[in-house]
Amino acid sequence: MVKNHRGKMRIAFVTLGCKLNYAETSSYERAFVNAGAEVVPWTAGADIFVVNTCSVTEHSDKKSRNIIRKLHRQNPMAQIIVTGCYAQLKREEIEGIEGVTKVFGANEKAFLVRQVLDGFNGTISEDADCGHANFFPAYSSGERTRSFLKVQDGCDYKCAYCTVPYARGESRNIPISQVVAQAREIASKGIKEIVITGVNTGDFGKSTGESFFDLLKQLNQVEGIERYRISSIEPNLLTEEIIDWIASGTKFLPHFHIPLQSGSDTILKEMGRRYDTETFARKIDYVRQKMERPGSPKVFLGIDVIVGFPGESEELFRQTYDFLKDRIRPAFIHIFPYSRRKGTPAAERKDQVMDSLKTERVAALEGLCDKLHTEFLAANRGIRDNVLIECRHKDGTMSGYTGNYIRKVLPWEEGSIGKIIEVEI
């Protein structure tokens, strides 16, 4: 083990990408602290850097390479450990970057802590599972009021544009009992809200013969946790049974992040998505019908959209724009320009869309998003809802979020952090 002059290994973490990565990094940090290491900011001259990478786009790869090189320039004597999706997909490329000491793919995360502490001797215990069944349990603990809890990893969908199934492997999970135990651990730290996350969150149960719905019901019974949010969930996996149950009065909030990807049935089919626009729209209608009442908060719907997928003509893009504007009207649109990823079917197509057109289409949807979000806020104005107070500000105020994810700023009151209070939006 590398140690500083005080006898402790100084280790710093850099995390790129999704909330799942942040949850996994938090679990690394806790493991190293428990082993006697000192976690420091990456600017503070660490002995070891751990970089948890993303590879969802070419820009993500470039960002990962740049931060690795920056860390090496900052401290040439430090060891640099690289993990995450970029490490899984392009190991040899990363191993060729100056300063990199060890690379752990996304499916080797469970071994990272042990091997770093063992001084990179390559020893893995005999009972360690190196196959696709390997699952690295994780939850974030950097915030005082909210934690991201990983319940699932991997994806079996293999959409035409996506490298995540190759980076993360097959869909898998730990048993409900272990997830519930982690939720209780989170509650013991005084955290009131959990965001359930995964690569394909709603696909929970593939490894254990359980169901996502059963998981939600068990988590709902954990004492100390007062609010749950479901992170990104495929529309076909957000079932009417789950929607009915949430609407019946549970700890689960009216806040959903659902990938659409395109409002064109032509593009959806070529992407390999598992629904068409009419099916998607009916699901959104059902959510609103069950969860919205006069005088009650409106459901927050965050929708993912990819623009510039190969073959997306101006007419097909306009179908997406109009579908969002006239039919779905979400509270927020998460917009991603299509990124050509080697090894995916979409990357081989000859009808790639010019970057300039992608930029124009992103800008058009950003303008629509601003308009729709403003309308969402206006529709909630005057309605009373509960806010979990998360932080205090230097200007004498405090802030937090309603159940449907509207930020509320209030005058500071001593002892309010972590409390849930009723307010008027």
Foldseek 3Di string as FASTA:
>chain_A
DDADPVRAAEEEEAEDDDVVRQQLVQVLVVLRVVVPHHYDHLLPAGQEYEYAFDPFFPVRLVVSLVVQLVSCVSPVNHEYEYEYLSCLPCVVVVVPRRRHDYYYALLRSVCVSVCVVVVNPPDDDPPDDSDLQRDDWGKHDPFQAEMEGEFKEADDQQFQQGCRNSRTPHIYGDDLVVSLVVLLVNLVSQHAEYEYDYPARQVPCPHPVDGSLVSVVSNQPRPNHQAYEYEEHELVSCDLVNLLVVLVDTRYFLEYEYEPAFLAQVVCVNRSHDDHNVSSLVSLVSNQVSRDDVLAAGRAYEYEYEPFQFPCDPVRLVSRVCCCQPRRLHLAYHYHYRHQDPPGNSNPDPRGGDPVVSVVSVVVVVVVNVVSNVVSVVVQAFHKFKFQWGDADPVQWTWGAGSNGDIDIGGDDPPRHRDIDIDGD
